[in-house]
Amino acid sequence: NKKGDFVQPTGLGAHVPIWNRVERRKIAGNAAPLAKNLEAYLGRHPDCEPYAGQDKRNPSEKISKSAPRPAPPASQPVVIPEDLPVAAHVMPMDPWM
């Protein structure tokens, strides 16, 4: 190795990239757990799994925990519950309308 070259750690001291299935994001580098701590990390983070290219897959292959709720038909009015906080009633403006 030349002076200044980065050497990838191996074995139990290496960081293991993680995939968060709920947030659909990769956790890598210093934010990822060490291999020696992987089992405990996954026990504390049940929504995570070792990264294996999940973000590179075809979007149709991704499996979500819960299916998104379909939008109501245009002819059906949207009902907002009265006990919903005021901030939740605010609808963002569509700049293209």
Protein backbone atom coordinates (compact mmCIF):
# COMPACT_ATOMS: atom_id res chain seq x y z
CA ASN A 1 0.00 0.00 0.00
CA LYS A 2 1.15 3.51 -0.78
CA LYS A 3 1.17 6.08 1.96
CA GLY A 4 -2.29 7.69 2.17
CA ASP A 5 -4.09 4.78 0.46
CA PHE A 6 -7.34 3.83 2.15
CA VAL A 7 -7.48 0.21 3.25
CA GLN A 8 -10.97 -1.30 3.50
CA PRO A 9 -11.33 -2.97 6.90
CA THR A 10 -12.24 -6.63 6.84
CA GLY A 11 -13.64 -9.10 9.33
CA LEU A 12 -15.56 -8.06 12.42
CA GLY A 13 -14.16 -4.50 12.34
CA ALA A 14 -15.76 -3.67 8.99
CA HIS A 15 -18.94 -1.62 8.74
CA VAL A 16 -21.83 -3.57 7.16
CA PRO A 17 -24.13 -1.56 4.85
CA ILE A 18 -27.77 -1.80 5.94
CA TRP A 19 -31.07 -1.35 4.05
CA ASN A 20 -34.00 0.24 5.90
CA ARG A 21 -37.13 -1.29 4.33
CA VAL A 22 -39.53 1.32 5.74
CA GLU A 23 -37.53 4.43 4.77
CA ARG A 24 -36.20 2.68 1.65
CA ARG A 25 -32.69 3.98 2.18
CA LYS A 26 -29.21 2.62 2.50
CA ILE A 27 -27.19 3.17 5.67
CA ALA A 28 -23.47 2.87 4.99
CA GLY A 29 -20.04 4.00 6.13
CA ASN A 30 -19.61 5.11 9.73
CA ALA A 31 -23.42 5.21 10.17
CA ALA A 32 -23.62 1.46 9.52
CA PRO A 33 -22.98 -1.06 12.30
CA LEU A 34 -19.76 -3.02 12.62
CA ALA A 35 -19.93 -6.65 11.55
CA LYS A 36 -19.32 -7.73 15.15
CA ASN A 37 -22.43 -5.75 16.24
CA LEU A 38 -24.68 -6.68 13.28
CA GLU A 39 -26.86 -9.26 15.06
CA ALA A 40 -27.61 -6.91 17.98
CA TYR A 41 -28.24 -3.99 15.58
CA LEU A 42 -30.75 -5.98 13.54
CA GLY A 43 -32.47 -7.07 16.75
CA ARG A 44 -32.94 -3.41 17.75
CA HIS A 45 -33.92 -2.36 14.20
CA PRO A 46 -36.42 -4.92 12.87
CA ASP A 47 -37.10 -2.80 9.76
CA CYS A 48 -33.48 -3.20 8.63
CA GLU A 49 -31.58 -5.91 6.81
CA PRO A 50 -28.09 -6.25 5.34
CA TYR A 51 -27.83 -4.22 2.12
CA ALA A 52 -27.83 -6.32 -1.05
CA GLY A 53 -28.58 -3.78 -3.78
CA GLN A 54 -32.22 -3.22 -2.81
CA ASP A 55 -32.20 0.30 -4.28
CA LYS A 56 -30.95 -1.04 -7.61
CA ARG A 57 -33.92 -3.37 -8.11
CA ASN A 58 -36.85 -2.73 -10.42
CA PRO A 59 -39.46 -0.62 -8.52
CA SER A 60 -42.10 -3.24 -9.26
CA GLU A 61 -40.03 -5.76 -7.27
CA LYS A 62 -40.09 -3.64 -4.11
CA ILE A 63 -42.44 -4.95 -1.49
CA SER A 64 -44.03 -2.48 0.88
CA LYS A 65 -45.25 -3.40 4.35
CA SER A 66 -48.63 -1.83 3.72
CA ALA A 67 -50.26 -0.98 0.46
CA PRO A 68 -50.91 2.74 -0.08
CA ARG A 69 -54.51 3.83 0.33
CA PRO A 70 -56.14 4.63 -3.01
CA ALA A 71 -57.36 8.17 -3.59
CA PRO A 72 -61.12 8.62 -3.43
CA PRO A 73 -62.89 8.93 -6.79
CA ALA A 74 -63.24 12.50 -8.04
CA SER A 75 -67.03 12.36 -7.64
CA GLN A 76 -66.74 11.50 -3.95
CA PRO A 77 -66.09 14.39 -1.50
CA VAL A 78 -63.09 14.21 0.80
CA VAL A 79 -64.21 14.16 4.44
CA ILE A 80 -61.82 15.61 7.02
CA PRO A 81 -62.45 14.41 10.59
CA GLU A 82 -63.29 17.26 12.98
CA ASP A 83 -60.81 16.05 15.60
CA LEU A 84 -57.87 16.33 13.18
CA PRO A 85 -55.34 19.05 14.17
CA VAL A 86 -55.68 22.32 12.22
CA ALA A 87 -52.27 21.91 10.55
CA ALA A 88 -53.45 18.63 9.01
CA HIS A 89 -56.33 20.46 7.27
CA VAL A 90 -53.96 22.61 5.23
CA MET A 91 -53.65 21.32 1.69
CA PRO A 92 -50.53 22.31 -0.27
CA MET A 93 -51.15 24.44 -3.32
CA ASP A 94 -50.34 22.91 -6.67
CA PRO A 95 -48.28 25.53 -8.58
CA TRP A 96 -49.27 23.92 -11.91
CA MET A 97 -53.02 24.44 -11.51
